[in-house]
């Protein structure tokens, strides 16, 4: 039986310094040729253990390597003792998406026998925002994306929480409604109508954008449900209710962006956004890196990838905590 464990890798940061990122992995008890990957993105101020219970159940229920990224500026990266909170200023779904995509890429590299046709992106709150952005910046990678009570764009209130100003281009590249046409896999959305932390208008706007773009979509609004969907439901139960068959059967038949080393270019307000999806080439790798550039032809920034550390160890049963917006 495989044990829960973590891998530590170096995510893209700059040409001189990479960023060490930890990925918490819950594998199924038995793996086979159909074992896929499900990435869990935690919320604003949360940490990689937020969906621990859900990961443990889904690993065997759906035959998935359930992985969760401790992305930068939040959780234990912010406070190594409590695992709660965020840096201020906070990047709010840019470098965090870099880390999560690189976590998926690293997992596939460390475990090459995993089924690349079964890669699923899940998240709640800011994690839902990240989950959808992952499917936009690596559009040929995911078989399914699930957003629970997710952010759809950076509002003035969220910008205030982040403690920073966002340029027009930065707001566009974080607006999943405006980029809904770039999603290429089925999407499942859920939100509580009584959510006082993040209005269900976020999900309704994304629903409108996805439907206008003709995307495959399932959505449910839980009347009286709050940010976690309680007391009406919870995110785990709602995911099973809405996506049980997709979690079992959804497949991506396209070559992965990582393997194809694709460069995704998205026009923003004044600049072009470039997402570079690279695999290892010798001792150098760009991993996933993003940039906003004035010119459509953009030079690729290569960074040295340091050694990958992998450790297998038992983890505590409950290391999660409450955060402001999860």
C-alpha atoms as a PDB file:
ATOM      1  CA  UNK A   1       0.000   0.000   0.000  1.00  0.00           C
ATOM      2  CA  UNK A   2       1.354   3.416  -0.942  1.00  0.00           C
ATOM      3  CA  UNK A   3       1.730   5.944   1.853  1.00  0.00           C
ATOM      4  CA  UNK A   4       0.720   9.561   1.908  1.00  0.00           C
ATOM      5  CA  UNK A   5       3.844  11.557   1.204  1.00  0.00           C
ATOM      6  CA  UNK A   6       5.210  14.816  -0.140  1.00  0.00           C
ATOM      7  CA  UNK A   7       7.517  15.877  -2.915  1.00  0.00           C
ATOM      8  CA  UNK A   8       9.484  19.099  -2.867  1.00  0.00           C
ATOM      9  CA  UNK A   9      10.464  20.710  -6.136  1.00  0.00           C
ATOM     10  CA  UNK A  10      11.701  24.012  -7.488  1.00  0.00           C
ATOM     11  CA  UNK A  11       9.073  26.073  -9.269  1.00  0.00           C
ATOM     12  CA  UNK A  12       9.764  28.941 -11.635  1.00  0.00           C
ATOM     13  CA  UNK A  13      10.718  32.207  -9.963  1.00  0.00           C
ATOM     14  CA  UNK A  14      13.560  34.048 -11.686  1.00  0.00           C
ATOM     15  CA  UNK A  15      16.608  33.357 -13.800  1.00  0.00           C
ATOM     16  CA  UNK A  16      18.753  33.313 -10.654  1.00  0.00           C
ATOM     17  CA  UNK A  17      16.521  31.792  -7.988  1.00  0.00           C
ATOM     18  CA  UNK A  18      13.855  29.119  -8.076  1.00  0.00           C
ATOM     19  CA  UNK A  19      11.085  28.701  -5.493  1.00  0.00           C
ATOM     20  CA  UNK A  20      10.821  25.532  -3.396  1.00  0.00           C
ATOM     21  CA  UNK A  21       7.256  24.194  -3.408  1.00  0.00           C
ATOM     22  CA  UNK A  22       5.789  21.272  -1.458  1.00  0.00           C
ATOM     23  CA  UNK A  23       3.125  18.933  -2.848  1.00  0.00           C
ATOM     24  CA  UNK A  24       1.072  16.720  -0.530  1.00  0.00           C
ATOM     25  CA  UNK A  25       0.131  13.432  -2.229  1.00  0.00           C
ATOM     26  CA  UNK A  26      -2.539  10.903  -1.294  1.00  0.00           C
ATOM     27  CA  UNK A  27      -2.295   7.907  -3.635  1.00  0.00           C
ATOM     28  CA  UNK A  28      -4.856   5.112  -3.981  1.00  0.00           C
ATOM     29  CA  UNK A  29      -4.075   1.827  -2.261  1.00  0.00           C
ATOM     30  CA  UNK A  30      -3.744   0.102  -5.622  1.00  0.00           C
ATOM     31  CA  UNK A  31      -2.601   1.757  -8.846  1.00  0.00           C
ATOM     32  CA  UNK A  32      -3.072   0.541 -12.386  1.00  0.00           C
ATOM     33  CA  UNK A  33      -3.003   1.846 -15.957  1.00  0.00           C
ATOM     34  CA  UNK A  34      -6.147   3.925 -15.299  1.00  0.00           C
ATOM     35  CA  UNK A  35      -4.834   5.735 -12.206  1.00  0.00           C
ATOM     36  CA  UNK A  36      -5.086   9.458 -12.889  1.00  0.00           C
ATOM     37  CA  UNK A  37      -4.260  12.716 -11.102  1.00  0.00           C
ATOM     38  CA  UNK A  38      -6.554  15.143  -9.297  1.00  0.00           C
ATOM     39  CA  UNK A  39      -5.095  18.459  -8.190  1.00  0.00           C
ATOM     40  CA  UNK A  40      -6.668  20.222  -5.195  1.00  0.00           C
ATOM     41  CA  UNK A  41      -6.091  23.985  -4.955  1.00  0.00           C
ATOM     42  CA  UNK A  42      -6.715  25.429  -1.495  1.00  0.00           C
ATOM     43  CA  UNK A  43      -8.283  28.813  -0.846  1.00  0.00           C
ATOM     44  CA  UNK A  44      -6.995  32.282   0.030  1.00  0.00           C
ATOM     45  CA  UNK A  45      -4.921  31.962   3.210  1.00  0.00           C
ATOM     46  CA  UNK A  46      -5.399  28.183   3.414  1.00  0.00           C
ATOM     47  CA  UNK A  47      -2.828  25.422   3.018  1.00  0.00           C
ATOM     48  CA  UNK A  48      -2.217  22.116   1.254  1.00  0.00           C
ATOM     49  CA  UNK A  49      -4.123  20.112   3.883  1.00  0.00           C
ATOM     50  CA  UNK A  50      -7.451  21.922   3.402  1.00  0.00           C
ATOM     51  CA  UNK A  51      -8.956  19.042   1.391  1.00  0.00           C
ATOM     52  CA  UNK A  52      -7.142  16.202   3.158  1.00  0.00           C
ATOM     53  CA  UNK A  53     -10.338  14.279   3.949  1.00  0.00           C
ATOM     54  CA  UNK A  54     -11.596  14.684   0.395  1.00  0.00           C
ATOM     55  CA  UNK A  55      -8.249  13.567  -1.032  1.00  0.00           C
ATOM     56  CA  UNK A  56      -8.248  10.454   1.133  1.00  0.00           C
ATOM     57  CA  UNK A  57     -11.735   9.478   0.025  1.00  0.00           C
ATOM     58  CA  UNK A  58     -11.355  10.305  -3.670  1.00  0.00           C
ATOM     59  CA  UNK A  59      -7.994   8.533  -4.060  1.00  0.00           C
ATOM     60  CA  UNK A  60      -9.585   5.085  -3.763  1.00  0.00           C
ATOM     61  CA  UNK A  61     -13.112   5.988  -4.810  1.00  0.00           C
ATOM     62  CA  UNK A  62     -11.972   7.323  -8.188  1.00  0.00           C
ATOM     63  CA  UNK A  63      -8.516   5.711  -8.568  1.00  0.00           C
ATOM     64  CA  UNK A  64      -6.638   9.013  -8.463  1.00  0.00           C
ATOM     65  CA  UNK A  65      -3.343  10.365  -7.184  1.00  0.00           C
ATOM     66  CA  UNK A  66      -4.822  13.235  -5.176  1.00  0.00           C
ATOM     67  CA  UNK A  67      -2.274  16.028  -4.918  1.00  0.00           C
ATOM     68  CA  UNK A  68      -2.365  19.436  -3.209  1.00  0.00           C
ATOM     69  CA  UNK A  69       0.125  22.256  -3.672  1.00  0.00           C
ATOM     70  CA  UNK A  70       1.438  24.510  -0.915  1.00  0.00           C
ATOM     71  CA  UNK A  71       1.611  27.428  -3.304  1.00  0.00           C
ATOM     72  CA  UNK A  72       3.621  30.503  -2.445  1.00  0.00           C
ATOM     73  CA  UNK A  73       2.522  33.474  -0.306  1.00  0.00           C
ATOM     74  CA  UNK A  74      -0.188  31.493   1.507  1.00  0.00           C
ATOM     75  CA  UNK A  75      -0.637  28.918   4.244  1.00  0.00           C
ATOM     76  CA  UNK A  76       2.572  27.339   5.517  1.00  0.00           C
ATOM     77  CA  UNK A  77       4.591  29.343   3.002  1.00  0.00           C
ATOM     78  CA  UNK A  78       3.302  32.444   4.803  1.00  0.00           C
ATOM     79  CA  UNK A  79       3.371  31.134   8.383  1.00  0.00           C
ATOM     80  CA  UNK A  80       5.301  27.909   8.961  1.00  0.00           C
ATOM     81  CA  UNK A  81       3.666  27.394  12.358  1.00  0.00           C
ATOM     82  CA  UNK A  82      -0.057  27.981  11.840  1.00  0.00           C
ATOM     83  CA  UNK A  83      -0.330  27.437   8.080  1.00  0.00           C
ATOM     84  CA  UNK A  84      -2.894  30.228   7.902  1.00  0.00           C
ATOM     85  CA  UNK A  85      -2.816  33.593   6.166  1.00  0.00           C
ATOM     86  CA  UNK A  86      -1.219  35.326   3.190  1.00  0.00           C
ATOM     87  CA  UNK A  87       1.524  37.760   2.378  1.00  0.00           C
ATOM     88  CA  UNK A  88       0.540  41.372   1.777  1.00  0.00           C
ATOM     89  CA  UNK A  89       0.939  42.358  -0.952  1.00  0.00           C
ATOM     90  CA  UNK A  90      -0.453  39.131  -2.384  1.00  0.00           C
ATOM     91  CA  UNK A  91      -0.219  38.078  -6.014  1.00  0.00           C
ATOM     92  CA  UNK A  92      -3.768  36.641  -6.133  1.00  0.00           C
ATOM     93  CA  UNK A  93      -3.725  33.827  -8.685  1.00  0.00           C
ATOM     94  CA  UNK A  94      -0.701  34.312 -10.884  1.00  0.00           C
ATOM     95  CA  UNK A  95       2.419  32.795  -9.307  1.00  0.00           C
ATOM     96  CA  UNK A  96       0.049  30.508  -7.412  1.00  0.00           C
ATOM     97  CA  UNK A  97      -1.163  29.091 -10.740  1.00  0.00           C
ATOM     98  CA  UNK A  98       2.478  28.674 -11.801  1.00  0.00           C
ATOM     99  CA  UNK A  99       3.156  26.572  -8.709  1.00  0.00           C
ATOM    100  CA  UNK A 100       0.049  24.411  -9.128  1.00  0.00           C
ATOM    101  CA  UNK A 101       0.701  23.686 -12.797  1.00  0.00           C
ATOM    102  CA  UNK A 102       4.317  22.855 -12.033  1.00  0.00           C
ATOM    103  CA  UNK A 103       3.119  20.539  -9.256  1.00  0.00           C
ATOM    104  CA  UNK A 104       1.054  18.592 -11.788  1.00  0.00           C
ATOM    105  CA  UNK A 105       3.993  18.512 -14.183  1.00  0.00           C
ATOM    106  CA  UNK A 106       6.370  17.296 -11.466  1.00  0.00           C
ATOM    107  CA  UNK A 107       3.974  14.610 -10.282  1.00  0.00           C
ATOM    108  CA  UNK A 108       3.724  13.237 -13.818  1.00  0.00           C
ATOM    109  CA  UNK A 109       7.505  13.266 -14.058  1.00  0.00           C
ATOM    110  CA  UNK A 110       8.061  11.479 -10.740  1.00  0.00           C
ATOM    111  CA  UNK A 111       5.283   8.963 -11.491  1.00  0.00           C
ATOM    112  CA  UNK A 112       5.409   8.500 -15.286  1.00  0.00           C
ATOM    113  CA  UNK A 113       2.998   5.550 -15.279  1.00  0.00           C
ATOM    114  CA  UNK A 114       0.053   7.738 -14.245  1.00  0.00           C
ATOM    115  CA  UNK A 115      -2.700   8.078 -16.830  1.00  0.00           C
ATOM    116  CA  UNK A 116      -2.200  11.457 -18.521  1.00  0.00           C
ATOM    117  CA  UNK A 117      -5.703  11.309 -19.974  1.00  0.00           C
ATOM    118  CA  UNK A 118      -7.184  11.562 -16.467  1.00  0.00           C
ATOM    119  CA  UNK A 119      -5.926  14.852 -15.042  1.00  0.00           C
ATOM    120  CA  UNK A 120      -8.524  16.803 -13.046  1.00  0.00           C
ATOM    121  CA  UNK A 121      -8.316  20.302 -11.607  1.00  0.00           C
ATOM    122  CA  UNK A 122     -10.350  21.059  -8.463  1.00  0.00           C
ATOM    123  CA  UNK A 123     -10.434  24.042  -6.140  1.00  0.00           C
ATOM    124  CA  UNK A 124     -12.635  26.110  -3.867  1.00  0.00           C
ATOM    125  CA  UNK A 125     -12.806  29.886  -3.416  1.00  0.00           C
ATOM    126  CA  UNK A 126      -9.462  31.227  -4.692  1.00  0.00           C
ATOM    127  CA  UNK A 127      -8.633  27.590  -5.353  1.00  0.00           C
ATOM    128  CA  UNK A 128     -11.595  27.473  -7.750  1.00  0.00           C
ATOM    129  CA  UNK A 129     -10.173  30.532  -9.496  1.00  0.00           C
ATOM    130  CA  UNK A 130      -6.793  28.805  -9.740  1.00  0.00           C
ATOM    131  CA  UNK A 131      -8.391  25.565 -10.990  1.00  0.00           C
ATOM    132  CA  UNK A 132     -10.070  27.324 -13.907  1.00  0.00           C
ATOM    133  CA  UNK A 133      -6.966  29.381 -14.710  1.00  0.00           C
ATOM    134  CA  UNK A 134      -4.921  26.173 -14.812  1.00  0.00           C
ATOM    135  CA  UNK A 135      -7.251  24.828 -17.492  1.00  0.00           C
ATOM    136  CA  UNK A 136      -6.920  28.065 -19.471  1.00  0.00           C
ATOM    137  CA  UNK A 137      -3.130  28.328 -19.349  1.00  0.00           C
ATOM    138  CA  UNK A 138      -2.640  24.611 -20.097  1.00  0.00           C
ATOM    139  CA  UNK A 139      -5.744  23.962 -22.216  1.00  0.00           C
ATOM    140  CA  UNK A 140      -4.709  20.537 -23.512  1.00  0.00           C
ATOM    141  CA  UNK A 141      -3.906  19.083 -20.119  1.00  0.00           C
ATOM    142  CA  UNK A 142      -7.114  18.616 -18.140  1.00  0.00           C
ATOM    143  CA  UNK A 143     -10.032  16.240 -18.591  1.00  0.00           C
ATOM    144  CA  UNK A 144     -12.230  18.108 -16.101  1.00  0.00           C
ATOM    145  CA  UNK A 145     -12.202  21.264 -13.985  1.00  0.00           C
ATOM    146  CA  UNK A 146     -14.303  21.773 -10.843  1.00  0.00           C
ATOM    147  CA  UNK A 147     -14.724  25.131  -9.096  1.00  0.00           C
ATOM    148  CA  UNK A 148     -16.540  25.346  -5.757  1.00  0.00           C
ATOM    149  CA  UNK A 149     -17.590  28.833  -4.611  1.00  0.00           C
ATOM    150  CA  UNK A 150     -14.885  30.149  -6.886  1.00  0.00           C
ATOM    151  CA  UNK A 151     -13.584  33.636  -7.591  1.00  0.00           C
ATOM    152  CA  UNK A 152     -14.214  34.695 -11.190  1.00  0.00           C
ATOM    153  CA  UNK A 153     -12.274  37.978 -11.235  1.00  0.00           C
ATOM    154  CA  UNK A 154     -10.426  40.355  -8.941  1.00  0.00           C
ATOM    155  CA  UNK A 155     -12.930  42.790  -7.463  1.00  0.00           C
ATOM    156  CA  UNK A 156     -11.929  46.025  -5.676  1.00  0.00           C
ATOM    157  CA  UNK A 157     -12.595  44.244  -2.373  1.00  0.00           C
ATOM    158  CA  UNK A 158     -10.262  41.366  -3.277  1.00  0.00           C
ATOM    159  CA  UNK A 159      -7.629  43.813  -4.493  1.00  0.00           C
ATOM    160  CA  UNK A 160      -7.890  45.441  -1.069  1.00  0.00           C
ATOM    161  CA  UNK A 161      -7.334  42.082   0.624  1.00  0.00           C
ATOM    162  CA  UNK A 162      -4.310  41.549  -1.617  1.00  0.00           C
ATOM    163  CA  UNK A 163      -2.969  44.924  -0.554  1.00  0.00           C
ATOM    164  CA  UNK A 164      -1.827  45.938  -4.017  1.00  0.00           C
ATOM    165  CA  UNK A 165      -2.888  47.624  -7.225  1.00  0.00           C
ATOM    166  CA  UNK A 166      -3.524  45.597 -10.358  1.00  0.00           C
ATOM    167  CA  UNK A 167      -2.917  46.984 -13.835  1.00  0.00           C
ATOM    168  CA  UNK A 168      -5.604  46.613 -16.474  1.00  0.00           C
ATOM    169  CA  UNK A 169      -3.652  43.759 -18.048  1.00  0.00           C
ATOM    170  CA  UNK A 170      -3.261  42.015 -14.698  1.00  0.00           C
ATOM    171  CA  UNK A 171      -7.003  42.208 -14.098  1.00  0.00           C
ATOM    172  CA  UNK A 172      -7.819  40.803 -17.540  1.00  0.00           C
ATOM    173  CA  UNK A 173      -5.503  37.813 -17.157  1.00  0.00           C
ATOM    174  CA  UNK A 174      -7.168  36.966 -13.841  1.00  0.00           C
ATOM    175  CA  UNK A 175     -10.698  37.283 -15.251  1.00  0.00           C
ATOM    176  CA  UNK A 176     -11.898  33.774 -16.096  1.00  0.00           C
ATOM    177  CA  UNK A 177     -15.211  35.131 -17.415  1.00  0.00           C
ATOM    178  CA  UNK A 178     -13.435  37.065 -20.161  1.00  0.00           C
ATOM    179  CA  UNK A 179     -11.328  33.982 -20.969  1.00  0.00           C
ATOM    180  CA  UNK A 180     -14.135  31.416 -20.755  1.00  0.00           C
ATOM    181  CA  UNK A 181     -13.842  30.620 -24.464  1.00  0.00           C
ATOM    182  CA  UNK A 182     -10.304  29.285 -23.832  1.00  0.00           C
ATOM    183  CA  UNK A 183     -11.496  26.473 -21.552  1.00  0.00           C
ATOM    184  CA  UNK A 184     -11.460  23.203 -23.504  1.00  0.00           C
ATOM    185  CA  UNK A 185     -12.697  20.604 -20.994  1.00  0.00           C
ATOM    186  CA  UNK A 186     -15.978  20.043 -19.119  1.00  0.00           C
ATOM    187  CA  UNK A 187     -16.555  22.393 -16.174  1.00  0.00           C
ATOM    188  CA  UNK A 188     -18.493  21.794 -12.952  1.00  0.00           C
ATOM    189  CA  UNK A 189     -19.520  24.798 -10.833  1.00  0.00           C
ATOM    190  CA  UNK A 190     -21.228  25.075  -7.447  1.00  0.00           C
ATOM    191  CA  UNK A 191     -21.992  27.970  -5.112  1.00  0.00           C
ATOM    192  CA  UNK A 192     -24.178  28.735  -2.110  1.00  0.00           C
ATOM    193  CA  UNK A 193     -26.778  31.477  -2.532  1.00  0.00           C
ATOM    194  CA  UNK A 194     -26.158  32.707   1.031  1.00  0.00           C
ATOM    195  CA  UNK A 195     -22.395  33.012   0.645  1.00  0.00           C
ATOM    196  CA  UNK A 196     -21.429  36.177   2.537  1.00  0.00           C
ATOM    197  CA  UNK A 197     -17.683  35.793   1.909  1.00  0.00           C
ATOM    198  CA  UNK A 198     -17.834  35.632  -1.890  1.00  0.00           C
ATOM    199  CA  UNK A 199     -21.058  36.393  -3.724  1.00  0.00           C
ATOM    200  CA  UNK A 200     -22.535  33.684  -5.940  1.00  0.00           C
ATOM    201  CA  UNK A 201     -22.464  36.376  -8.639  1.00  0.00           C
ATOM    202  CA  UNK A 202     -18.905  35.199  -9.319  1.00  0.00           C
ATOM    203  CA  UNK A 203     -20.131  31.746 -10.330  1.00  0.00           C
ATOM    204  CA  UNK A 204     -23.181  33.101 -12.158  1.00  0.00           C
ATOM    205  CA  UNK A 205     -20.941  35.363 -14.249  1.00  0.00           C
ATOM    206  CA  UNK A 206     -18.650  32.470 -15.108  1.00  0.00           C
ATOM    207  CA  UNK A 207     -21.645  30.303 -15.939  1.00  0.00           C
ATOM    208  CA  UNK A 208     -22.870  32.973 -18.373  1.00  0.00           C
ATOM    209  CA  UNK A 209     -19.439  33.211 -19.993  1.00  0.00           C
ATOM    210  CA  UNK A 210     -19.067  29.460 -20.396  1.00  0.00           C
ATOM    211  CA  UNK A 211     -22.580  29.024 -21.792  1.00  0.00           C
ATOM    212  CA  UNK A 212     -22.044  31.877 -24.261  1.00  0.00           C
ATOM    213  CA  UNK A 213     -18.876  30.113 -25.418  1.00  0.00           C
ATOM    214  CA  UNK A 214     -20.745  26.819 -25.857  1.00  0.00           C
ATOM    215  CA  UNK A 215     -18.739  24.925 -23.237  1.00  0.00           C
ATOM    216  CA  UNK A 216     -19.789  21.685 -21.550  1.00  0.00           C
ATOM    217  CA  UNK A 217     -21.030  22.754 -18.138  1.00  0.00           C
ATOM    218  CA  UNK A 218     -22.781  21.531 -15.006  1.00  0.00           C
ATOM    219  CA  UNK A 219     -23.757  24.007 -12.316  1.00  0.00           C
ATOM    220  CA  UNK A 220     -25.818  24.027  -9.142  1.00  0.00           C
ATOM    221  CA  UNK A 221     -26.654  26.801  -6.680  1.00  0.00           C
ATOM    222  CA  UNK A 222     -27.311  25.581  -3.161  1.00  0.00           C
ATOM    223  CA  UNK A 223     -30.164  27.631  -1.745  1.00  0.00           C
ATOM    224  CA  UNK A 224     -29.178  28.872   1.704  1.00  0.00           C
ATOM    225  CA  UNK A 225     -25.650  27.503   1.412  1.00  0.00           C
ATOM    226  CA  UNK A 226     -22.700  29.532   2.616  1.00  0.00           C
ATOM    227  CA  UNK A 227     -19.141  29.722   1.316  1.00  0.00           C
ATOM    228  CA  UNK A 228     -18.460  26.082   2.201  1.00  0.00           C
ATOM    229  CA  UNK A 229     -22.051  25.208   1.051  1.00  0.00           C
ATOM    230  CA  UNK A 230     -23.002  24.473   4.684  1.00  0.00           C
ATOM    231  CA  UNK A 231     -25.512  23.945   6.159  1.00  0.00           C
ATOM    232  CA  UNK A 232     -27.121  22.691   2.950  1.00  0.00           C
ATOM    233  CA  UNK A 233     -24.207  20.565   1.702  1.00  0.00           C
ATOM    234  CA  UNK A 234     -20.413  20.574   1.577  1.00  0.00           C
ATOM    235  CA  UNK A 235     -17.912  20.745  -1.258  1.00  0.00           C
ATOM    236  CA  UNK A 236     -17.051  17.045  -1.182  1.00  0.00           C
ATOM    237  CA  UNK A 237     -20.680  15.893  -1.259  1.00  0.00           C
ATOM    238  CA  UNK A 238     -21.583  18.437  -3.941  1.00  0.00           C
ATOM    239  CA  UNK A 239     -18.659  17.312  -6.100  1.00  0.00           C
ATOM    240  CA  UNK A 240     -19.854  13.712  -5.916  1.00  0.00           C
ATOM    241  CA  UNK A 241     -23.438  14.784  -6.630  1.00  0.00           C
ATOM    242  CA  UNK A 242     -22.532  16.830  -9.698  1.00  0.00           C
ATOM    243  CA  UNK A 243     -19.480  15.076 -11.107  1.00  0.00           C
ATOM    244  CA  UNK A 244     -19.435  11.415 -10.030  1.00  0.00           C
ATOM    245  CA  UNK A 245     -19.597  10.073 -13.588  1.00  0.00           C
ATOM    246  CA  UNK A 246     -17.111  12.627 -14.907  1.00  0.00           C
ATOM    247  CA  UNK A 247     -14.641  11.817 -12.151  1.00  0.00           C
ATOM    248  CA  UNK A 248     -14.817   8.201 -13.292  1.00  0.00           C
ATOM    249  CA  UNK A 249     -15.005   8.620 -17.050  1.00  0.00           C
ATOM    250  CA  UNK A 250     -13.752  12.031 -18.242  1.00  0.00           C
ATOM    251  CA  UNK A 251     -10.744  11.758 -20.539  1.00  0.00           C
ATOM    252  CA  UNK A 252      -8.539  14.254 -22.346  1.00  0.00           C
ATOM    253  CA  UNK A 253      -7.512  12.850 -25.722  1.00  0.00           C
ATOM    254  CA  UNK A 254      -5.194  15.715 -26.697  1.00  0.00           C
ATOM    255  CA  UNK A 255      -1.388  15.632 -26.298  1.00  0.00           C
ATOM    256  CA  UNK A 256      -0.430  17.370 -23.049  1.00  0.00           C
ATOM    257  CA  UNK A 257       0.838  20.923 -23.180  1.00  0.00           C
ATOM    258  CA  UNK A 258       3.842  19.845 -21.077  1.00  0.00           C
ATOM    259  CA  UNK A 259       4.830  17.139 -23.542  1.00  0.00           C
ATOM    260  CA  UNK A 260       4.249  19.348 -26.558  1.00  0.00           C
ATOM    261  CA  UNK A 261       6.132  22.242 -24.920  1.00  0.00           C
ATOM    262  CA  UNK A 262       3.361  24.601 -25.935  1.00  0.00           C
ATOM    263  CA  UNK A 263       3.472  28.347 -25.565  1.00  0.00           C
ATOM    264  CA  UNK A 264       0.068  29.901 -24.865  1.00  0.00           C
ATOM    265  CA  UNK A 265      -0.366  33.565 -25.855  1.00  0.00           C
ATOM    266  CA  UNK A 266      -3.408  35.503 -24.634  1.00  0.00           C
ATOM    267  CA  UNK A 267      -4.160  39.093 -25.597  1.00  0.00           C
ATOM    268  CA  UNK A 268      -4.976  41.256 -22.579  1.00  0.00           C
ATOM    269  CA  UNK A 269      -5.755  44.976 -22.487  1.00  0.00           C
ATOM    270  CA  UNK A 270      -2.515  46.397 -23.837  1.00  0.00           C
ATOM    271  CA  UNK A 271      -0.055  43.529 -23.571  1.00  0.00           C
ATOM    272  CA  UNK A 272       0.115  39.876 -24.427  1.00  0.00           C
ATOM    273  CA  UNK A 273       0.250  37.220 -21.744  1.00  0.00           C
ATOM    274  CA  UNK A 274       2.576  34.292 -22.395  1.00  0.00           C
ATOM    275  CA  UNK A 275       2.388  30.940 -20.601  1.00  0.00           C
ATOM    276  CA  UNK A 276       5.251  28.624 -21.441  1.00  0.00           C
ATOM    277  CA  UNK A 277       4.633  24.926 -20.769  1.00  0.00           C
ATOM    278  CA  UNK A 278       8.021  23.184 -20.801  1.00  0.00           C
ATOM    279  CA  UNK A 279       9.213  19.780 -19.778  1.00  0.00           C
ATOM    280  CA  UNK A 280      12.788  19.023 -18.744  1.00  0.00           C
ATOM    281  CA  UNK A 281      15.457  19.490 -21.408  1.00  0.00           C
ATOM    282  CA  UNK A 282      18.773  18.226 -20.114  1.00  0.00           C
ATOM    283  CA  UNK A 283      19.598  20.026 -16.880  1.00  0.00           C
ATOM    284  CA  UNK A 284      17.527  23.085 -17.733  1.00  0.00           C
ATOM    285  CA  UNK A 285      13.821  23.663 -17.595  1.00  0.00           C
ATOM    286  CA  UNK A 286      11.495  26.604 -17.813  1.00  0.00           C
ATOM    287  CA  UNK A 287       8.753  24.631 -16.157  1.00  0.00           C
ATOM    288  CA  UNK A 288       5.676  26.779 -16.280  1.00  0.00           C
ATOM    289  CA  UNK A 289       6.411  30.474 -16.368  1.00  0.00           C
ATOM    290  CA  UNK A 290       4.194  33.432 -17.121  1.00  0.00           C
ATOM    291  CA  UNK A 291       4.933  36.936 -18.309  1.00  0.00           C
ATOM    292  CA  UNK A 292       3.153  39.984 -19.636  1.00  0.00           C
ATOM    293  CA  UNK A 293       4.878  41.416 -22.694  1.00  0.00           C
ATOM    294  CA  UNK A 294       4.367  44.297 -25.100  1.00  0.00           C
ATOM    295  CA  UNK A 295       5.335  42.247 -28.136  1.00  0.00           C
ATOM    296  CA  UNK A 296       3.705  39.023 -29.355  1.00  0.00           C
ATOM    297  CA  UNK A 297       7.121  37.492 -30.087  1.00  0.00           C
ATOM    298  CA  UNK A 298       8.550  36.899 -26.650  1.00  0.00           C
ATOM    299  CA  UNK A 299      11.935  35.534 -25.691  1.00  0.00           C
ATOM    300  CA  UNK A 300      11.724  32.463 -23.469  1.00  0.00           C
ATOM    301  CA  UNK A 301      13.312  32.735 -20.059  1.00  0.00           C
ATOM    302  CA  UNK A 302      15.164  29.559 -19.086  1.00  0.00           C
ATOM    303  CA  UNK A 303      16.028  28.763 -15.498  1.00  0.00           C
ATOM    304  CA  UNK A 304      18.178  26.082 -13.963  1.00  0.00           C
ATOM    305  CA  UNK A 305      16.126  23.442 -12.183  1.00  0.00           C
ATOM    306  CA  UNK A 306      17.755  22.263  -8.987  1.00  0.00           C
ATOM    307  CA  UNK A 307      17.546  18.737  -7.637  1.00  0.00           C
ATOM    308  CA  UNK A 308      14.123  17.278  -6.968  1.00  0.00           C
ATOM    309  CA  UNK A 309      13.716  15.979  -3.431  1.00  0.00           C
ATOM    310  CA  UNK A 310      11.185  13.281  -2.707  1.00  0.00           C
ATOM    311  CA  UNK A 311      10.318  12.059   0.755  1.00  0.00           C
ATOM    312  CA  UNK A 312       7.805   9.485   1.943  1.00  0.00           C
ATOM    313  CA  UNK A 313       6.579   9.961   5.495  1.00  0.00           C
ATOM    314  CA  UNK A 314       3.445   9.628   7.551  1.00  0.00           C
ATOM    315  CA  UNK A 315       1.597  12.905   7.960  1.00  0.00           C
ATOM    316  CA  UNK A 316      -0.577  14.112  10.839  1.00  0.00           C
ATOM    317  CA  UNK A 317      -4.273  13.398  10.561  1.00  0.00           C
ATOM    318  CA  UNK A 318      -5.383  16.995  10.895  1.00  0.00           C
ATOM    319  CA  UNK A 319      -3.121  19.954  10.191  1.00  0.00           C
ATOM    320  CA  UNK A 320      -5.689  22.158   8.530  1.00  0.00           C
ATOM    321  CA  UNK A 321      -6.881  25.450   9.978  1.00  0.00           C
ATOM    322  CA  UNK A 322      -9.350  28.209   9.394  1.00  0.00           C
ATOM    323  CA  UNK A 323      -8.451  31.030   7.032  1.00  0.00           C
ATOM    324  CA  UNK A 324     -10.204  34.215   6.014  1.00  0.00           C
ATOM    325  CA  UNK A 325     -11.481  33.052   2.636  1.00  0.00           C
ATOM    326  CA  UNK A 326     -11.237  29.393   1.807  1.00  0.00           C
END
